[in-house]
PDB file of all heavy atoms in Angstrom:
ATOM      1  N   ALA A   1       0.891  -1.268   0.014  1.00  0.00           N
ATOM      2  CA  ALA A   1       0.013  -0.063   0.053  1.00  0.00           C
ATOM      3  C   ALA A   1       0.943   1.172  -0.058  1.00  0.00           C
ATOM      4  O   ALA A   1       1.898   1.213   0.726  1.00  0.00           O
ATOM      5  CB  ALA A   1      -0.878   0.033   1.215  1.00  0.00           C
ATOM      6  N   THR A   2       0.513   2.150  -0.825  1.00  0.00           N
ATOM      7  CA  THR A   2       1.217   3.453  -0.927  1.00  0.00           C
ATOM      8  C   THR A   2       0.413   4.621  -0.503  1.00  0.00           C
ATOM      9  O   THR A   2      -0.755   4.642  -1.112  1.00  0.00           O
ATOM     10  CB  THR A   2       1.937   3.594  -2.125  1.00  0.00           C
ATOM     11  OG1 THR A   2       2.522   4.990  -2.314  1.00  0.00           O
ATOM     12  CG2 THR A   2       1.018   3.527  -3.255  1.00  0.00           C
ATOM     13  N   TYR A   3       0.727   5.403   0.317  1.00  0.00           N
ATOM     14  CA  TYR A   3      -0.074   6.626   0.869  1.00  0.00           C
ATOM     15  C   TYR A   3       0.509   7.913   0.125  1.00  0.00           C
ATOM     16  O   TYR A   3       1.713   8.077   0.141  1.00  0.00           O
ATOM     17  CB  TYR A   3      -0.052   6.761   2.408  1.00  0.00           C
ATOM     18  CG  TYR A   3      -0.963   5.847   3.153  1.00  0.00           C
ATOM     19  CD1 TYR A   3      -0.567   4.544   3.435  1.00  0.00           C
ATOM     20  CD2 TYR A   3      -2.269   6.159   3.469  1.00  0.00           C
ATOM     21  CE1 TYR A   3      -1.459   3.743   4.115  1.00  0.00           C
ATOM     22  CE2 TYR A   3      -3.100   5.336   4.165  1.00  0.00           C
ATOM     23  CZ  TYR A   3      -2.681   4.035   4.463  1.00  0.00           C
ATOM     24  OH  TYR A   3      -3.530   3.258   4.996  1.00  0.00           O
ATOM     25  N   ASN A   4      -0.398   8.704  -0.305  1.00  0.00           N
ATOM     26  CA  ASN A   4      -0.180   9.944  -0.866  1.00  0.00           C
ATOM     27  C   ASN A   4      -0.402  11.071   0.175  1.00  0.00           C
ATOM     28  O   ASN A   4      -1.490  11.264   0.478  1.00  0.00           O
ATOM     29  CB  ASN A   4      -1.001  10.132  -2.147  1.00  0.00           C
ATOM     30  CG  ASN A   4      -0.764  11.489  -2.767  1.00  0.00           C
ATOM     31  OD1 ASN A   4       0.189  12.344  -2.451  1.00  0.00           O
ATOM     32  ND2 ASN A   4      -1.651  11.823  -3.684  1.00  0.00           N
ATOM     33  N   VAL A   5       0.687  11.616   0.780  1.00  0.00           N
ATOM     34  CA  VAL A   5       0.486  12.425   2.001  1.00  0.00           C
ATOM     35  C   VAL A   5       1.013  13.871   1.843  1.00  0.00           C
ATOM     36  O   VAL A   5       2.213  13.935   1.450  1.00  0.00           O
ATOM     37  CB  VAL A   5       1.048  11.816   3.211  1.00  0.00           C
ATOM     38  CG1 VAL A   5       0.973  12.612   4.414  1.00  0.00           C
ATOM     39  CG2 VAL A   5       0.459  10.418   3.438  1.00  0.00           C
ATOM     40  N   PHE A   6       0.284  14.847   2.121  1.00  0.00           N
ATOM     41  CA  PHE A   6       0.731  16.148   2.484  1.00  0.00           C
ATOM     42  C   PHE A   6       0.045  16.713   3.732  1.00  0.00           C
ATOM     43  O   PHE A   6       0.654  17.202   4.687  1.00  0.00           O
ATOM     44  CB  PHE A   6       0.391  17.206   1.316  1.00  0.00           C
ATOM     45  CG  PHE A   6       0.741  18.643   1.682  1.00  0.00           C
ATOM     46  CD1 PHE A   6       2.010  19.054   2.011  1.00  0.00           C
ATOM     47  CD2 PHE A   6      -0.422  19.447   1.828  1.00  0.00           C
ATOM     48  CE1 PHE A   6       2.248  20.250   2.428  1.00  0.00           C
ATOM     49  CE2 PHE A   6      -0.136  20.730   2.337  1.00  0.00           C
ATOM     50  CZ  PHE A   6       1.117  21.151   2.502  1.00  0.00           C
ATOM     51  N   ASP A   7      -1.301  16.493   3.816  1.00  0.00           N
ATOM     52  CA  ASP A   7      -2.069  16.898   4.898  1.00  0.00           C
ATOM     53  C   ASP A   7      -3.008  15.729   5.192  1.00  0.00           C
ATOM     54  O   ASP A   7      -2.840  14.634   4.561  1.00  0.00           O
ATOM     55  CB  ASP A   7      -2.780  18.184   4.723  1.00  0.00           C
ATOM     56  CG  ASP A   7      -3.758  18.128   3.512  1.00  0.00           C
ATOM     57  OD1 ASP A   7      -3.948  17.091   2.971  1.00  0.00           O
ATOM     58  OD2 ASP A   7      -4.205  19.126   3.136  1.00  0.00           O
ATOM     59  N   GLY A   8      -3.870  16.003   6.177  1.00  0.00           N
ATOM     60  CA  GLY A   8      -4.718  14.848   6.676  1.00  0.00           C
ATOM     61  C   GLY A   8      -4.022  13.840   7.480  1.00  0.00           C
ATOM     62  O   GLY A   8      -4.583  12.772   7.748  1.00  0.00           O
ATOM     63  N   GLU A   9      -2.772  14.243   8.010  1.00  0.00           N
ATOM     64  CA  GLU A   9      -1.909  13.147   8.803  1.00  0.00           C
ATOM     65  C   GLU A   9      -2.653  12.801  10.078  1.00  0.00           C
ATOM     66  O   GLU A   9      -2.251  11.712  10.683  1.00  0.00           O
ATOM     67  CB  GLU A   9      -0.651  13.761   9.038  1.00  0.00           C
ATOM     68  CG  GLU A   9      -0.496  14.955  10.070  1.00  0.00           C
ATOM     69  CD  GLU A   9      -0.738  16.332   9.366  1.00  0.00           C
ATOM     70  OE1 GLU A   9      -1.005  16.405   8.235  1.00  0.00           O
ATOM     71  OE2 GLU A   9      -0.660  17.285  10.130  1.00  0.00           O
ATOM     72  N   GLU A  10      -3.709  13.490  10.595  1.00  0.00           N
ATOM     73  CA  GLU A  10      -4.336  13.006  11.766  1.00  0.00           C
ATOM     74  C   GLU A  10      -5.174  11.752  11.664  1.00  0.00           C
ATOM     75  O   GLU A  10      -5.370  11.073  12.590  1.00  0.00           O
ATOM     76  CB  GLU A  10      -5.191  14.281  12.335  1.00  0.00           C
ATOM     77  CG  GLU A  10      -6.471  14.464  11.496  1.00  0.00           C
ATOM     78  CD  GLU A  10      -6.212  15.456  10.153  1.00  0.00           C
ATOM     79  OE1 GLU A  10      -5.038  15.756  10.051  1.00  0.00           O
ATOM     80  OE2 GLU A  10      -7.194  15.789   9.603  1.00  0.00           O
ATOM     81  N   LEU A  11      -5.397  11.403  10.336  1.00  0.00           N
ATOM     82  CA  LEU A  11      -5.992  10.133  10.087  1.00  0.00           C
ATOM     83  C   LEU A  11      -5.075   8.971   9.707  1.00  0.00           C
ATOM     84  O   LEU A  11      -5.494   7.846   9.588  1.00  0.00           O
ATOM     85  CB  LEU A  11      -7.106  10.454   8.944  1.00  0.00           C
ATOM     86  CG  LEU A  11      -8.085  11.408   9.298  1.00  0.00           C
ATOM     87  CD1 LEU A  11      -9.091  11.639   8.064  1.00  0.00           C
ATOM     88  CD2 LEU A  11      -8.964  10.892  10.483  1.00  0.00           C
ATOM     89  N   LEU A  12      -3.912   9.399   9.319  1.00  0.00           N
ATOM     90  CA  LEU A  12      -2.963   8.403   8.751  1.00  0.00           C
ATOM     91  C   LEU A  12      -2.657   7.105   9.531  1.00  0.00           C
ATOM     92  O   LEU A  12      -2.862   6.045   9.127  1.00  0.00           O
ATOM     93  CB  LEU A  12      -1.606   9.073   8.399  1.00  0.00           C
ATOM     94  CG  LEU A  12      -0.585   8.164   7.713  1.00  0.00           C
ATOM     95  CD1 LEU A  12      -1.181   7.622   6.338  1.00  0.00           C
ATOM     96  CD2 LEU A  12       0.717   8.992   7.463  1.00  0.00           C
ATOM     97  N   GLU A  13      -2.339   7.303  10.868  1.00  0.00           N
ATOM     98  CA  GLU A  13      -2.103   6.082  11.758  1.00  0.00           C
ATOM     99  C   GLU A  13      -3.263   5.007  11.737  1.00  0.00           C
ATOM    100  O   GLU A  13      -3.047   3.975  11.546  1.00  0.00           O
ATOM    101  CB  GLU A  13      -1.590   6.542  13.010  1.00  0.00           C
ATOM    102  CG  GLU A  13      -1.351   5.299  14.027  1.00  0.00           C
ATOM    103  CD  GLU A  13      -0.732   5.750  15.365  1.00  0.00           C
ATOM    104  OE1 GLU A  13      -0.240   6.897  15.372  1.00  0.00           O
ATOM    105  OE2 GLU A  13      -0.619   4.845  16.161  1.00  0.00           O
ATOM    106  N   ALA A  14      -4.373   5.704  11.924  1.00  0.00           N
ATOM    107  CA  ALA A  14      -5.605   4.851  12.120  1.00  0.00           C
ATOM    108  C   ALA A  14      -5.906   4.115  10.637  1.00  0.00           C
ATOM    109  O   ALA A  14      -6.326   2.887  10.700  1.00  0.00           O
ATOM    110  CB  ALA A  14      -6.880   5.646  12.512  1.00  0.00           C
ATOM    111  N   SER A  15      -5.646   4.823   9.638  1.00  0.00           N
ATOM    112  CA  SER A  15      -5.926   4.163   8.351  1.00  0.00           C
ATOM    113  C   SER A  15      -4.898   3.061   8.079  1.00  0.00           C
ATOM    114  O   SER A  15      -5.221   2.068   7.626  1.00  0.00           O
ATOM    115  CB  SER A  15      -5.701   5.291   7.199  1.00  0.00           C
ATOM    116  OG  SER A  15      -5.799   4.604   5.897  1.00  0.00           O
ATOM    117  N   ILE A  16      -3.676   3.303   8.418  1.00  0.00           N
ATOM    118  CA  ILE A  16      -2.654   2.214   8.162  1.00  0.00           C
ATOM    119  C   ILE A  16      -2.942   1.100   9.108  1.00  0.00           C
ATOM    120  O   ILE A  16      -2.997  -0.110   8.695  1.00  0.00           O
ATOM    121  CB  ILE A  16      -1.244   2.769   8.658  1.00  0.00           C
ATOM    122  CG1 ILE A  16      -0.754   3.730   7.602  1.00  0.00           C
ATOM    123  CG2 ILE A  16      -0.165   1.630   8.659  1.00  0.00           C
ATOM    124  CD1 ILE A  16       0.462   4.547   7.865  1.00  0.00           C
ATOM    125  N   LYS A  17      -3.411   1.285  10.418  1.00  0.00           N
ATOM    126  CA  LYS A  17      -3.781   0.209  11.183  1.00  0.00           C
ATOM    127  C   LYS A  17      -4.948  -0.566  10.684  1.00  0.00           C
ATOM    128  O   LYS A  17      -5.124  -1.777  10.937  1.00  0.00           O
ATOM    129  CB  LYS A  17      -4.070   0.687  12.709  1.00  0.00           C
ATOM    130  CG  LYS A  17      -2.885   1.123  13.500  1.00  0.00           C
ATOM    131  CD  LYS A  17      -3.198   1.704  14.807  1.00  0.00           C
ATOM    132  CE  LYS A  17      -1.880   1.959  15.715  1.00  0.00           C
ATOM    133  NZ  LYS A  17      -2.273   2.536  16.931  1.00  0.00           N
ATOM    134  N   SER A  18      -5.856   0.030   9.994  1.00  0.00           N
ATOM    135  CA  SER A  18      -7.051  -0.739   9.413  1.00  0.00           C
ATOM    136  C   SER A  18      -6.590  -1.649   8.282  1.00  0.00           C
ATOM    137  O   SER A  18      -7.323  -2.628   8.092  1.00  0.00           O
ATOM    138  CB  SER A  18      -8.066   0.397   8.880  1.00  0.00           C
ATOM    139  OG  SER A  18      -7.794   0.842   7.566  1.00  0.00           O
ATOM    140  N   ILE A  19      -5.503  -1.335   7.671  1.00  0.00           N
ATOM    141  CA  ILE A  19      -5.118  -2.262   6.500  1.00  0.00           C
ATOM    142  C   ILE A  19      -3.950  -3.159   6.976  1.00  0.00           C
ATOM    143  O   ILE A  19      -3.852  -4.297   6.374  1.00  0.00           O
ATOM    144  CB  ILE A  19      -4.644  -1.474   5.272  1.00  0.00           C
ATOM    145  CG1 ILE A  19      -3.455  -0.719   5.590  1.00  0.00           C
ATOM    146  CG2 ILE A  19      -5.759  -0.651   4.770  1.00  0.00           C
ATOM    147  CD1 ILE A  19      -2.818   0.089   4.340  1.00  0.00           C
ATOM    148  N   ARG A  20      -3.262  -2.898   8.078  1.00  0.00           N
ATOM    149  CA  ARG A  20      -2.236  -3.837   8.714  1.00  0.00           C
ATOM    150  C   ARG A  20      -2.839  -4.836   9.472  1.00  0.00           C
ATOM    151  O   ARG A  20      -2.304  -5.869   9.712  1.00  0.00           O
ATOM    152  CB  ARG A  20      -1.334  -2.930   9.414  1.00  0.00           C
ATOM    153  CG  ARG A  20      -0.192  -2.116   8.739  1.00  0.00           C
ATOM    154  CD  ARG A  20       0.854  -2.957   8.309  1.00  0.00           C
ATOM    155  NE  ARG A  20       2.136  -2.197   8.009  1.00  0.00           N
ATOM    156  CZ  ARG A  20       3.177  -2.620   7.413  1.00  0.00           C
ATOM    157  NH1 ARG A  20       3.183  -3.984   7.064  1.00  0.00           N
ATOM    158  NH2 ARG A  20       4.137  -1.874   7.194  1.00  0.00           N
ATOM    159  N   LYS A  21      -4.099  -4.619  10.086  1.00  0.00           N
ATOM    160  CA  LYS A  21      -4.741  -5.520  10.954  1.00  0.00           C
ATOM    161  C   LYS A  21      -4.927  -6.849  10.295  1.00  0.00           C
ATOM    162  O   LYS A  21      -5.249  -6.985   9.178  1.00  0.00           O
ATOM    163  CB  LYS A  21      -6.144  -4.935  11.336  1.00  0.00           C
ATOM    164  CG  LYS A  21      -6.820  -5.852  12.545  1.00  0.00           C
ATOM    165  CD  LYS A  21      -8.017  -5.130  12.874  1.00  0.00           C
ATOM    166  CE  LYS A  21      -8.689  -5.933  13.965  1.00  0.00           C
ATOM    167  NZ  LYS A  21     -10.052  -5.393  14.439  1.00  0.00           N
ATOM    168  N   GLY A  22      -4.552  -7.848  10.996  1.00  0.00           N
ATOM    169  CA  GLY A  22      -4.698  -9.312  10.439  1.00  0.00           C
ATOM    170  C   GLY A  22      -3.513  -9.622   9.369  1.00  0.00           C
ATOM    171  O   GLY A  22      -3.709 -10.673   8.702  1.00  0.00           O
ATOM    172  N   GLY A  23      -2.620  -8.755   9.281  1.00  0.00           N
ATOM    173  CA  GLY A  23      -1.578  -9.070   8.189  1.00  0.00           C
ATOM    174  C   GLY A  23      -2.058  -9.006   6.820  1.00  0.00           C
ATOM    175  O   GLY A  23      -1.380  -9.654   5.992  1.00  0.00           O
ATOM    176  N   VAL A  24      -3.131  -8.291   6.599  1.00  0.00           N
ATOM    177  CA  VAL A  24      -3.600  -8.301   5.187  1.00  0.00           C
ATOM    178  C   VAL A  24      -2.655  -7.537   4.233  1.00  0.00           C
ATOM    179  O   VAL A  24      -2.318  -8.180   3.087  1.00  0.00           O
ATOM    180  CB  VAL A  24      -5.000  -7.603   5.083  1.00  0.00           C
ATOM    181  CG1 VAL A  24      -5.498  -7.604   3.619  1.00  0.00           C
ATOM    182  CG2 VAL A  24      -5.989  -8.183   6.084  1.00  0.00           C
ATOM    183  N   VAL A  25      -2.159  -6.476   4.505  1.00  0.00           N
ATOM    184  CA  VAL A  25      -1.194  -5.618   3.826  1.00  0.00           C
ATOM    185  C   VAL A  25       0.138  -6.006   4.260  1.00  0.00           C
ATOM    186  O   VAL A  25       0.474  -5.879   5.464  1.00  0.00           O
ATOM    187  CB  VAL A  25      -1.413  -4.245   3.913  1.00  0.00           C
ATOM    188  CG1 VAL A  25      -0.313  -3.337   3.279  1.00  0.00           C
ATOM    189  CG2 VAL A  25      -2.793  -3.863   3.078  1.00  0.00           C
ATOM    190  N   ASP A  26       1.119  -6.423   3.369  1.00  0.00           N
ATOM    191  CA  ASP A  26       2.519  -6.780   3.750  1.00  0.00           C
ATOM    192  C   ASP A  26       3.556  -5.646   3.773  1.00  0.00           C
ATOM    193  O   ASP A  26       4.465  -5.802   4.346  1.00  0.00           O
ATOM    194  CB  ASP A  26       2.936  -7.797   2.652  1.00  0.00           C
ATOM    195  CG  ASP A  26       1.862  -8.982   2.557  1.00  0.00           C
ATOM    196  OD1 ASP A  26       1.759  -9.709   3.589  1.00  0.00           O
ATOM    197  OD2 ASP A  26       1.301  -9.200   1.524  1.00  0.00           O
ATOM    198  N   PHE A  27       3.237  -4.586   3.063  1.00  0.00           N
ATOM    199  CA  PHE A  27       4.156  -3.583   2.968  1.00  0.00           C
ATOM    200  C   PHE A  27       3.553  -2.231   2.774  1.00  0.00           C
ATOM    201  O   PHE A  27       2.485  -2.044   2.066  1.00  0.00           O
ATOM    202  CB  PHE A  27       5.063  -3.787   1.674  1.00  0.00           C
ATOM    203  CG  PHE A  27       6.105  -2.766   1.314  1.00  0.00           C
ATOM    204  CD1 PHE A  27       7.424  -2.926   1.941  1.00  0.00           C
ATOM    205  CD2 PHE A  27       5.852  -1.677   0.537  1.00  0.00           C
ATOM    206  CE1 PHE A  27       8.309  -1.927   1.772  1.00  0.00           C
ATOM    207  CE2 PHE A  27       6.806  -0.737   0.186  1.00  0.00           C
ATOM    208  CZ  PHE A  27       8.082  -0.878   0.864  1.00  0.00           C
ATOM    209  N   VAL A  28       4.033  -1.262   3.498  1.00  0.00           N
ATOM    210  CA  VAL A  28       3.324   0.091   3.431  1.00  0.00           C
ATOM    211  C   VAL A  28       4.504   1.173   3.240  1.00  0.00           C
ATOM    212  O   VAL A  28       5.471   1.297   3.929  1.00  0.00           O
ATOM    213  CB  VAL A  28       2.671   0.545   4.723  1.00  0.00           C
ATOM    214  CG1 VAL A  28       2.189   1.930   4.733  1.00  0.00           C
ATOM    215  CG2 VAL A  28       1.556  -0.402   5.049  1.00  0.00           C
ATOM    216  N   CYS A  29       4.259   2.006   2.270  1.00  0.00           N
ATOM    217  CA  CYS A  29       5.198   3.194   2.070  1.00  0.00           C
ATOM    218  C   CYS A  29       4.415   4.477   2.005  1.00  0.00           C
ATOM    219  O   CYS A  29       3.224   4.381   1.738  1.00  0.00           O
ATOM    220  CB  CYS A  29       5.989   3.058   0.800  1.00  0.00           C
ATOM    221  SG  CYS A  29       5.037   3.449  -0.807  1.00  0.00           S
ATOM    222  N   VAL A  30       4.993   5.525   2.351  1.00  0.00           N
ATOM    223  CA  VAL A  30       4.343   6.840   2.354  1.00  0.00           C
ATOM    224  C   VAL A  30       5.233   7.813   1.471  1.00  0.00           C
ATOM    225  O   VAL A  30       6.369   8.005   1.751  1.00  0.00           O
ATOM    226  CB  VAL A  30       4.227   7.408   3.875  1.00  0.00           C
ATOM    227  CG1 VAL A  30       3.793   8.956   3.670  1.00  0.00           C
ATOM    228  CG2 VAL A  30       3.331   6.476   4.674  1.00  0.00           C
ATOM    229  N   VAL A  31       4.629   8.369   0.423  1.00  0.00           N
ATOM    230  CA  VAL A  31       5.183   9.288  -0.372  1.00  0.00           C
ATOM    231  C   VAL A  31       4.689  10.703   0.120  1.00  0.00           C
ATOM    232  O   VAL A  31       3.489  10.961  -0.145  1.00  0.00           O
ATOM    233  CB  VAL A  31       4.815   8.981  -1.803  1.00  0.00           C
ATOM    234  CG1 VAL A  31       5.627  10.087  -2.750  1.00  0.00           C
ATOM    235  CG2 VAL A  31       5.311   7.730  -2.295  1.00  0.00           C
ATOM    236  N   TYR A  32       5.537  11.504   0.604  1.00  0.00           N
ATOM    237  CA  TYR A  32       4.984  12.698   1.266  1.00  0.00           C
ATOM    238  C   TYR A  32       5.660  13.952   0.757  1.00  0.00           C
ATOM    239  O   TYR A  32       6.683  13.902   0.089  1.00  0.00           O
ATOM    240  CB  TYR A  32       5.266  12.624   2.820  1.00  0.00           C
ATOM    241  CG  TYR A  32       6.796  12.694   3.087  1.00  0.00           C
ATOM    242  CD1 TYR A  32       7.406  13.947   3.452  1.00  0.00           C
ATOM    243  CD2 TYR A  32       7.501  11.574   3.085  1.00  0.00           C
ATOM    244  CE1 TYR A  32       8.785  13.992   3.749  1.00  0.00           C
ATOM    245  CE2 TYR A  32       8.888  11.551   3.459  1.00  0.00           C
ATOM    246  CZ  TYR A  32       9.457  12.755   3.805  1.00  0.00           C
ATOM    247  OH  TYR A  32      10.783  12.921   4.004  1.00  0.00           O
ATOM    248  N   GLN A  33       5.104  15.115   0.999  1.00  0.00           N
ATOM    249  CA  GLN A  33       5.555  16.359   0.515  1.00  0.00           C
ATOM    250  C   GLN A  33       5.701  17.287   1.729  1.00  0.00           C
ATOM    251  O   GLN A  33       4.899  17.384   2.608  1.00  0.00           O
ATOM    252  CB  GLN A  33       4.587  17.021  -0.449  1.00  0.00           C
ATOM    253  CG  GLN A  33       4.628  16.355  -1.809  1.00  0.00           C
ATOM    254  CD  GLN A  33       3.532  17.010  -2.646  1.00  0.00           C
ATOM    255  OE1 GLN A  33       2.559  16.264  -3.110  1.00  0.00           O
ATOM    256  NE2 GLN A  33       3.616  18.242  -3.097  1.00  0.00           N
ATOM    257  N   ARG A  34       6.804  18.064   1.788  1.00  0.00           N
ATOM    258  CA  ARG A  34       7.013  19.085   2.776  1.00  0.00           C
ATOM    259  C   ARG A  34       6.322  20.406   2.282  1.00  0.00           C
ATOM    260  O   ARG A  34       5.806  21.203   3.039  1.00  0.00           O
ATOM    261  CB  ARG A  34       8.516  19.415   3.029  1.00  0.00           C
ATOM    262  CG  ARG A  34       9.332  18.265   3.602  1.00  0.00           C
ATOM    263  CD  ARG A  34      10.846  18.703   3.614  1.00  0.00           C
ATOM    264  NE  ARG A  34      11.628  17.592   4.014  1.00  0.00           N
ATOM    265  CZ  ARG A  34      12.272  17.406   5.195  1.00  0.00           C
ATOM    266  NH1 ARG A  34      11.981  18.441   6.062  1.00  0.00           N
ATOM    267  NH2 ARG A  34      13.007  16.433   5.511  1.00  0.00           N
ATOM    268  N   ILE A  35       6.334  20.641   0.899  1.00  0.00           N
ATOM    269  CA  ILE A  35       5.767  21.764   0.338  1.00  0.00           C
ATOM    270  C   ILE A  35       4.807  21.189  -0.686  1.00  0.00           C
ATOM    271  O   ILE A  35       4.944  20.378  -1.526  1.00  0.00           O
ATOM    272  CB  ILE A  35       6.816  22.551  -0.512  1.00  0.00           C
ATOM    273  CG1 ILE A  35       7.920  22.930   0.318  1.00  0.00           C
ATOM    274  CG2 ILE A  35       6.120  23.844  -1.107  1.00  0.00           C
ATOM    275  CD1 ILE A  35       7.680  23.938   1.403  1.00  0.00           C
ATOM    276  N   SER A  36       3.477  21.810  -0.550  1.00  0.00           N
ATOM    277  CA  SER A  36       2.366  21.393  -1.398  1.00  0.00           C
ATOM    278  C   SER A  36       2.467  21.701  -2.842  1.00  0.00           C
ATOM    279  O   SER A  36       3.413  22.461  -3.221  1.00  0.00           O
ATOM    280  CB  SER A  36       0.962  21.977  -0.872  1.00  0.00           C
ATOM    281  OG  SER A  36       0.914  23.241  -1.209  1.00  0.00           O
ATOM    282  N   ASN A  37       1.613  21.232  -3.633  1.00  0.00           N
ATOM    283  CA  ASN A  37       1.610  21.623  -5.116  1.00  0.00           C
ATOM    284  C   ASN A  37       1.343  22.939  -5.344  1.00  0.00           C
ATOM    285  O   ASN A  37       1.625  23.609  -6.369  1.00  0.00           O
ATOM    286  CB  ASN A  37       0.606  20.810  -5.865  1.00  0.00           C
ATOM    287  CG  ASN A  37       0.776  19.370  -5.696  1.00  0.00           C
ATOM    288  OD1 ASN A  37       1.898  18.837  -5.535  1.00  0.00           O
ATOM    289  ND2 ASN A  37      -0.258  18.417  -5.815  1.00  0.00           N
ATOM    290  N   PHE A  38       0.919  23.716  -4.363  1.00  0.00           N
ATOM    291  CA  PHE A  38       0.698  25.110  -4.353  1.00  0.00           C
ATOM    292  C   PHE A  38       1.669  25.976  -3.605  1.00  0.00           C
ATOM    293  O   PHE A  38       1.457  27.200  -3.414  1.00  0.00           O
ATOM    294  CB  PHE A  38      -0.812  25.390  -4.004  1.00  0.00           C
ATOM    295  CG  PHE A  38      -1.778  24.685  -4.713  1.00  0.00           C
ATOM    296  CD1 PHE A  38      -2.371  23.445  -4.413  1.00  0.00           C
ATOM    297  CD2 PHE A  38      -2.257  25.217  -5.985  1.00  0.00           C
ATOM    298  CE1 PHE A  38      -3.349  22.673  -5.252  1.00  0.00           C
ATOM    299  CE2 PHE A  38      -3.221  24.545  -6.697  1.00  0.00           C
ATOM    300  CZ  PHE A  38      -3.640  23.395  -6.459  1.00  0.00           C
ATOM    301  N   GLY A  39       2.603  25.380  -3.035  1.00  0.00           N
ATOM    302  CA  GLY A  39       3.600  26.111  -2.343  1.00  0.00           C
ATOM    303  C   GLY A  39       3.455  26.335  -0.879  1.00  0.00           C
ATOM    304  O   GLY A  39       4.134  27.108  -0.217  1.00  0.00           O
ATOM    305  N   THR A  40       2.541  25.619  -0.319  1.00  0.00           N
ATOM    306  CA  THR A  40       2.213  25.704   1.113  1.00  0.00           C
ATOM    307  C   THR A  40       3.143  24.717   1.930  1.00  0.00           C
ATOM    308  O   THR A  40       3.296  23.573   1.597  1.00  0.00           O
ATOM    309  CB  THR A  40       0.669  25.362   1.404  1.00  0.00           C
ATOM    310  OG1 THR A  40       0.010  26.242   0.701  1.00  0.00           O
ATOM    311  CG2 THR A  40       0.395  25.546   2.873  1.00  0.00           C
ATOM    312  N   LYS A  41       3.631  25.183   3.062  1.00  0.00           N
ATOM    313  CA  LYS A  41       4.321  24.285   4.019  1.00  0.00           C
ATOM    314  C   LYS A  41       3.551  23.266   4.651  1.00  0.00           C
ATOM    315  O   LYS A  41       2.378  23.554   5.025  1.00  0.00           O
ATOM    316  CB  LYS A  41       5.229  24.987   4.893  1.00  0.00           C
ATOM    317  CG  LYS A  41       6.346  25.871   4.277  1.00  0.00           C
ATOM    318  CD  LYS A  41       7.191  26.564   5.339  1.00  0.00           C
ATOM    319  CE  LYS A  41       8.359  27.341   4.845  1.00  0.00           C
ATOM    320  NZ  LYS A  41       9.151  28.049   5.746  1.00  0.00           N
ATOM    321  N   CYS A  42       4.041  22.164   4.937  1.00  0.00           N
ATOM    322  CA  CYS A  42       3.243  21.021   5.632  1.00  0.00           C
ATOM    323  C   CYS A  42       3.202  21.424   7.148  1.00  0.00           C
ATOM    324  O   CYS A  42       3.975  22.260   7.640  1.00  0.00           O
ATOM    325  CB  CYS A  42       4.025  19.716   5.454  1.00  0.00           C
ATOM    326  SG  CYS A  42       5.546  19.446   6.336  1.00  0.00           S
ATOM    327  N   SER A  43       2.243  20.708   7.774  1.00  0.00           N
ATOM    328  CA  SER A  43       2.158  20.952   9.230  1.00  0.00           C
ATOM    329  C   SER A  43       3.475  20.573   9.940  1.00  0.00           C
ATOM    330  O   SER A  43       4.281  19.597   9.485  1.00  0.00           O
ATOM    331  CB  SER A  43       1.030  20.114   9.785  1.00  0.00           C
ATOM    332  OG  SER A  43       1.057  19.914  11.114  1.00  0.00           O
ATOM    333  N   ALA A  44       3.756  21.200  11.055  1.00  0.00           N
ATOM    334  CA  ALA A  44       4.917  20.847  11.892  1.00  0.00           C
ATOM    335  C   ALA A  44       4.882  19.514  12.431  1.00  0.00           C
ATOM    336  O   ALA A  44       5.857  18.852  12.906  1.00  0.00           O
ATOM    337  CB  ALA A  44       5.133  21.975  13.000  1.00  0.00           C
ATOM    338  N   ARG A  45       3.678  18.905  12.496  1.00  0.00           N
ATOM    339  CA  ARG A  45       3.423  17.614  13.083  1.00  0.00           C
ATOM    340  C   ARG A  45       3.718  16.546  12.108  1.00  0.00           C
ATOM    341  O   ARG A  45       3.901  15.309  12.398  1.00  0.00           O
ATOM    342  CB  ARG A  45       1.937  17.432  13.520  1.00  0.00           C
ATOM    343  CG  ARG A  45       1.395  18.388  14.546  1.00  0.00           C
ATOM    344  CD  ARG A  45       0.064  18.113  14.930  1.00  0.00           C
ATOM    345  NE  ARG A  45      -0.837  18.079  13.797  1.00  0.00           N
ATOM    346  CZ  ARG A  45      -1.586  19.203  13.374  1.00  0.00           C
ATOM    347  NH1 ARG A  45      -1.507  20.268  13.926  1.00  0.00           N
ATOM    348  NH2 ARG A  45      -2.379  19.091  12.196  1.00  0.00           N
ATOM    349  N   LEU A  46       3.759  16.905  10.685  1.00  0.00           N
ATOM    350  CA  LEU A  46       3.792  15.767   9.748  1.00  0.00           C
ATOM    351  C   LEU A  46       5.095  14.912   9.869  1.00  0.00           C
ATOM    352  O   LEU A  46       5.084  13.674   9.973  1.00  0.00           O
ATOM    353  CB  LEU A  46       3.696  16.332   8.327  1.00  0.00           C
ATOM    354  CG  LEU A  46       3.763  15.268   7.259  1.00  0.00           C
ATOM    355  CD1 LEU A  46       2.708  14.233   7.414  1.00  0.00           C
ATOM    356  CD2 LEU A  46       3.803  15.961   5.819  1.00  0.00           C
TER     357      LEU A  46
END
């Protein structure tokens, strides 16, 4: 599973746990941006 991430990170951990549960998904990668497509900086939490 590959996650496309810039914002919405408050939901990311729960989403990953939903697909990792029971060993259904074997591999998870996150492709993230520090700067959005429109030039906005990511959250300090990301």
